[in-house]
Amino acid sequence: MKYNLHFYPKVEDDAVSAFSWYEEKAKGLGEEFLRTFYASCSKIQRNPFLYAKVSDEQRRKLLKRFPYAVYYRVIDKDIIIFGLFHCARNPATIEDTLRDRNKN
């Protein structure tokens, strides 16, 4: 089955913030972060049920090399990416943010 990939609008903000932080640390590292993020999204699109549920129908895929996770939900033929968060963030804060984003 082919799944359509959609991004919640604030995910762009999440990605840009991480890109900026990594790019500040080393030129080109931000670009590598974005490539890793989009490659992870492609993997999710190919096999969305491969990754573990973290709450209700919310799933998470960890990025390689970077301490970030992509949070998403599968609804029919659609995959909605709701968040891109640093793994050191408070899990309760991540849950609250995801809950708010899933309401809309």
N, C-alpha and C. Protein backbone atom coordinates (compact mmCIF):
# COMPACT_ATOMS: atom_id res chain seq x y z
N MET A 1 0.85 -1.19 0.00
CA MET A 1 0.00 0.00 0.00
C MET A 1 0.89 1.24 0.00
N LYS A 2 0.51 2.21 -0.79
CA LYS A 2 1.25 3.47 -0.85
C LYS A 2 0.62 4.46 0.13
N TYR A 3 1.46 5.08 0.93
CA TYR A 3 0.99 6.05 1.92
C TYR A 3 1.40 7.45 1.51
N ASN A 4 0.51 8.40 1.78
CA ASN A 4 0.80 9.82 1.52
C ASN A 4 1.42 10.41 2.78
N LEU A 5 2.46 11.17 2.60
CA LEU A 5 3.18 11.77 3.72
C LEU A 5 2.78 13.24 3.86
N HIS A 6 2.40 13.63 5.07
CA HIS A 6 2.02 15.01 5.36
C HIS A 6 2.78 15.48 6.60
N PHE A 7 3.10 16.76 6.62
CA PHE A 7 3.82 17.34 7.76
C PHE A 7 2.93 18.37 8.45
N TYR A 8 2.79 18.22 9.76
CA TYR A 8 2.12 19.25 10.55
C TYR A 8 2.96 20.52 10.40
N PRO A 9 2.32 21.69 10.25
CA PRO A 9 3.08 22.92 9.96
C PRO A 9 4.24 23.22 10.93
N LYS A 10 4.09 22.91 12.20
CA LYS A 10 5.15 23.26 13.16
C LYS A 10 6.38 22.35 13.05
N VAL A 11 6.26 21.25 12.31
CA VAL A 11 7.41 20.37 12.13
C VAL A 11 8.51 21.11 11.37
N GLU A 12 8.11 21.98 10.46
CA GLU A 12 9.10 22.79 9.74
C GLU A 12 9.89 23.65 10.73
N ASP A 13 9.21 24.24 11.70
CA ASP A 13 9.89 25.03 12.74
C ASP A 13 10.86 24.15 13.54
N ASP A 14 10.40 22.93 13.87
CA ASP A 14 11.25 21.99 14.61
C ASP A 14 12.52 21.69 13.81
N ALA A 15 12.36 21.43 12.52
CA ALA A 15 13.50 21.08 11.66
C ALA A 15 14.44 22.27 11.47
N VAL A 16 13.88 23.46 11.27
CA VAL A 16 14.71 24.66 11.06
C VAL A 16 15.51 24.98 12.32
N SER A 17 14.90 24.83 13.48
CA SER A 17 15.62 25.08 14.74
C SER A 17 16.80 24.13 14.89
N ALA A 18 16.57 22.85 14.63
CA ALA A 18 17.64 21.86 14.74
C ALA A 18 18.72 22.12 13.69
N PHE A 19 18.30 22.42 12.47
CA PHE A 19 19.24 22.74 11.39
C PHE A 19 20.15 23.90 11.82
N SER A 20 19.56 24.97 12.32
CA SER A 20 20.33 26.15 12.71
C SER A 20 21.33 25.81 13.81
N TRP A 21 20.90 25.05 14.79
CA TRP A 21 21.77 24.69 15.91
C TRP A 21 22.97 23.89 15.40
N TYR A 22 22.72 22.88 14.56
CA TYR A 22 23.81 22.05 14.05
C TYR A 22 24.71 22.82 13.09
N GLU A 23 24.13 23.68 12.29
CA GLU A 23 24.92 24.45 11.33
C GLU A 23 25.85 25.41 12.07
N GLU A 24 25.41 25.92 13.23
CA GLU A 24 26.24 26.79 14.06
C GLU A 24 27.45 26.03 14.60
N LYS A 25 27.24 24.75 14.92
CA LYS A 25 28.31 23.94 15.49
C LYS A 25 29.37 23.58 14.45
N ALA A 26 28.93 23.26 13.24
CA ALA A 26 29.88 22.91 12.17
C ALA A 26 29.19 23.10 10.82
N LYS A 27 29.85 23.83 9.94
CA LYS A 27 29.28 24.08 8.62
C LYS A 27 29.00 22.75 7.92
N GLY A 28 27.79 22.61 7.41
CA GLY A 28 27.40 21.40 6.70
C GLY A 28 26.69 20.38 7.58
N LEU A 29 26.85 20.50 8.90
CA LEU A 29 26.22 19.54 9.81
C LEU A 29 24.69 19.71 9.82
N GLY A 30 24.23 20.93 9.67
CA GLY A 30 22.79 21.18 9.59
C GLY A 30 22.19 20.52 8.35
N GLU A 31 22.91 20.61 7.24
CA GLU A 31 22.46 19.96 6.00
C GLU A 31 22.39 18.45 6.19
N GLU A 32 23.38 17.90 6.86
CA GLU A 32 23.39 16.46 7.11
C GLU A 32 22.21 16.06 8.00
N PHE A 33 21.91 16.91 8.97
CA PHE A 33 20.75 16.66 9.84
C PHE A 33 19.47 16.59 9.00
N LEU A 34 19.29 17.57 8.12
CA LEU A 34 18.07 17.59 7.29
C LEU A 34 18.00 16.37 6.37
N ARG A 35 19.12 15.98 5.79
CA ARG A 35 19.13 14.78 4.94
C ARG A 35 18.72 13.55 5.76
N THR A 36 19.23 13.46 6.97
CA THR A 36 18.89 12.33 7.85
C THR A 36 17.42 12.36 8.20
N PHE A 37 16.89 13.52 8.49
CA PHE A 37 15.47 13.67 8.83
C PHE A 37 14.58 13.22 7.67
N TYR A 38 14.87 13.74 6.47
CA TYR A 38 14.03 13.39 5.32
C TYR A 38 14.20 11.92 4.90
N ALA A 39 15.39 11.37 5.09
CA ALA A 39 15.59 9.94 4.82
C ALA A 39 14.75 9.11 5.79
N SER A 40 14.69 9.54 7.04
CA SER A 40 13.86 8.84 8.04
C SER A 40 12.39 8.92 7.66
N CYS A 41 11.96 10.06 7.17
CA CYS A 41 10.56 10.21 6.74
C CYS A 41 10.25 9.28 5.58
N SER A 42 11.20 9.12 4.67
CA SER A 42 11.01 8.20 3.54
C SER A 42 10.89 6.76 4.03
N LYS A 43 11.69 6.40 5.02
CA LYS A 43 11.61 5.05 5.59
C LYS A 43 10.26 4.83 6.26
N ILE A 44 9.79 5.85 6.96
CA ILE A 44 8.46 5.76 7.58
C ILE A 44 7.40 5.55 6.51
N GLN A 45 7.51 6.29 5.43
CA GLN A 45 6.52 6.21 4.35
C GLN A 45 6.50 4.80 3.72
N ARG A 46 7.65 4.18 3.60
CA ARG A 46 7.72 2.85 3.00
C ARG A 46 7.14 1.77 3.91
N ASN A 47 7.34 1.92 5.23
CA ASN A 47 6.86 0.90 6.17
C ASN A 47 6.48 1.56 7.50
N PRO A 48 5.33 2.24 7.56
CA PRO A 48 4.98 3.02 8.73
C PRO A 48 4.72 2.21 10.00
N PHE A 49 4.41 0.93 9.86
CA PHE A 49 4.08 0.13 11.04
C PHE A 49 5.30 -0.57 11.63
N LEU A 50 6.46 -0.31 11.07
CA LEU A 50 7.70 -0.90 11.56
C LEU A 50 8.13 -0.32 12.91
N TYR A 51 7.78 0.91 13.15
CA TYR A 51 8.28 1.62 14.33
C TYR A 51 7.27 1.58 15.47
N ALA A 52 7.81 1.60 16.67
CA ALA A 52 7.02 1.37 17.88
C ALA A 52 6.00 2.46 18.17
N LYS A 53 4.87 2.02 18.72
CA LYS A 53 3.88 2.97 19.24
C LYS A 53 4.40 3.48 20.57
N VAL A 54 4.24 4.78 20.79
CA VAL A 54 4.66 5.36 22.06
C VAL A 54 3.47 5.79 22.90
N SER A 55 2.34 6.02 22.26
CA SER A 55 1.10 6.32 22.97
C SER A 55 -0.05 6.28 21.97
N ASP A 56 -1.15 5.72 22.39
CA ASP A 56 -2.31 5.56 21.51
C ASP A 56 -1.86 5.08 20.13
N GLU A 57 -2.10 5.87 19.13
CA GLU A 57 -1.70 5.51 17.76
C GLU A 57 -0.45 6.26 17.31
N GLN A 58 0.16 6.98 18.23
CA GLN A 58 1.37 7.76 17.93
C GLN A 58 2.57 6.82 17.85
N ARG A 59 3.38 6.98 16.81
CA ARG A 59 4.59 6.17 16.63
C ARG A 59 5.82 7.07 16.61
N ARG A 60 6.98 6.43 16.82
CA ARG A 60 8.23 7.20 16.88
C ARG A 60 9.32 6.46 16.13
N LYS A 61 10.08 7.23 15.34
CA LYS A 61 11.28 6.70 14.70
C LYS A 61 12.46 7.56 15.12
N LEU A 62 13.49 6.90 15.62
CA LEU A 62 14.70 7.60 16.02
C LEU A 62 15.57 7.87 14.80
N LEU A 63 16.18 9.05 14.76
CA LEU A 63 17.09 9.38 13.67
C LEU A 63 18.44 8.73 13.92
N LYS A 64 19.12 8.38 12.85
CA LYS A 64 20.48 7.86 12.98
C LYS A 64 21.43 9.04 13.18
N ARG A 65 22.40 8.85 14.01
CA ARG A 65 23.48 9.80 14.29
C ARG A 65 23.07 11.00 15.12
N PHE A 66 21.85 11.45 15.01
CA PHE A 66 21.39 12.63 15.73
C PHE A 66 20.39 12.21 16.82
N PRO A 67 20.45 12.86 17.98
CA PRO A 67 19.56 12.46 19.08
C PRO A 67 18.16 13.06 18.95
N TYR A 68 17.51 12.78 17.85
CA TYR A 68 16.17 13.29 17.57
C TYR A 68 15.25 12.13 17.23
N ALA A 69 13.95 12.37 17.41
CA ALA A 69 12.94 11.38 17.06
C ALA A 69 11.83 12.06 16.26
N VAL A 70 11.31 11.31 15.29
CA VAL A 70 10.18 11.75 14.47
C VAL A 70 8.94 11.08 15.04
N TYR A 71 7.93 11.87 15.33
CA TYR A 71 6.66 11.36 15.86
C TYR A 71 5.60 11.50 14.78
N TYR A 72 4.85 10.42 14.58
CA TYR A 72 3.87 10.43 13.50
C TYR A 72 2.69 9.53 13.84
N ARG A 73 1.67 9.64 13.00
CA ARG A 73 0.46 8.84 13.14
C ARG A 73 0.02 8.40 11.75
N VAL A 74 -0.48 7.17 11.66
CA VAL A 74 -1.00 6.64 10.40
C VAL A 74 -2.52 6.69 10.48
N ILE A 75 -3.12 7.39 9.52
CA ILE A 75 -4.58 7.51 9.45
C ILE A 75 -4.98 7.13 8.02
N ASP A 76 -5.59 5.95 7.90
CA ASP A 76 -5.96 5.40 6.59
C ASP A 76 -4.71 5.30 5.71
N LYS A 77 -4.69 6.03 4.60
CA LYS A 77 -3.55 5.99 3.69
C LYS A 77 -2.60 7.17 3.89
N ASP A 78 -2.79 7.89 4.98
CA ASP A 78 -1.99 9.08 5.25
C ASP A 78 -1.08 8.87 6.46
N ILE A 79 0.12 9.40 6.35
CA ILE A 79 1.05 9.46 7.47
C ILE A 79 1.22 10.93 7.79
N ILE A 80 0.92 11.29 9.02
CA ILE A 80 1.07 12.69 9.43
C ILE A 80 2.22 12.77 10.42
N ILE A 81 3.25 13.54 10.05
CA ILE A 81 4.39 13.77 10.92
C ILE A 81 3.99 14.94 11.82
N PHE A 82 3.94 14.67 13.13
CA PHE A 82 3.50 15.69 14.08
C PHE A 82 4.64 16.37 14.82
N GLY A 83 5.80 15.73 14.86
CA GLY A 83 6.87 16.36 15.62
C GLY A 83 8.23 15.80 15.31
N LEU A 84 9.22 16.63 15.55
CA LEU A 84 10.63 16.29 15.46
C LEU A 84 11.26 16.88 16.71
N PHE A 85 11.58 16.01 17.67
CA PHE A 85 12.03 16.50 18.97
C PHE A 85 13.35 15.87 19.38
N HIS A 86 14.14 16.67 20.10
CA HIS A 86 15.39 16.18 20.68
C HIS A 86 15.03 15.17 21.76
N CYS A 87 15.76 14.07 21.80
CA CYS A 87 15.45 12.99 22.75
C CYS A 87 15.73 13.34 24.21
N ALA A 88 16.46 14.42 24.45
CA ALA A 88 16.74 14.82 25.83
C ALA A 88 15.61 15.66 26.43
N ARG A 89 14.62 16.01 25.61
CA ARG A 89 13.49 16.78 26.13
C ARG A 89 12.69 15.95 27.10
N ASN A 90 12.04 16.63 28.00
CA ASN A 90 11.18 15.98 28.98
C ASN A 90 10.06 15.25 28.24
N PRO A 91 9.91 13.93 28.47
CA PRO A 91 8.86 13.17 27.79
C PRO A 91 7.46 13.74 28.02
N ALA A 92 7.21 14.29 29.18
CA ALA A 92 5.90 14.88 29.45
C ALA A 92 5.66 16.10 28.56
N THR A 93 6.68 16.89 28.34
CA THR A 93 6.57 18.05 27.46
C THR A 93 6.30 17.61 26.03
N ILE A 94 7.00 16.57 25.59
CA ILE A 94 6.78 16.05 24.24
C ILE A 94 5.34 15.55 24.11
N GLU A 95 4.86 14.79 25.10
CA GLU A 95 3.49 14.28 25.07
C GLU A 95 2.47 15.40 25.00
N ASP A 96 2.68 16.44 25.81
CA ASP A 96 1.75 17.59 25.81
C ASP A 96 1.73 18.27 24.44
N THR A 97 2.90 18.48 23.87
CA THR A 97 3.00 19.13 22.56
C THR A 97 2.32 18.28 21.49
N LEU A 98 2.57 16.99 21.51
CA LEU A 98 1.95 16.10 20.53
C LEU A 98 0.43 16.06 20.70
N ARG A 99 -0.02 16.04 21.92
CA ARG A 99 -1.47 16.04 22.18
C ARG A 99 -2.10 17.30 21.60
N ASP A 100 -1.47 18.45 21.82
CA ASP A 100 -1.98 19.71 21.28
C ASP A 100 -1.99 19.68 19.75
N ARG A 101 -0.93 19.17 19.15
CA ARG A 101 -0.84 19.14 17.69
C ARG A 101 -1.84 18.15 17.10
N ASN A 102 -2.12 17.07 17.80
CA ASN A 102 -3.07 16.08 17.30
C ASN A 102 -4.51 16.55 17.38
N LYS A 103 -4.78 17.55 18.19
CA LYS A 103 -6.14 18.10 18.30
C LYS A 103 -6.55 18.85 17.04
N ASN A 104 -5.58 19.47 16.41
CA ASN A 104 -5.86 20.33 15.25
C ASN A 104 -5.99 19.56 13.97
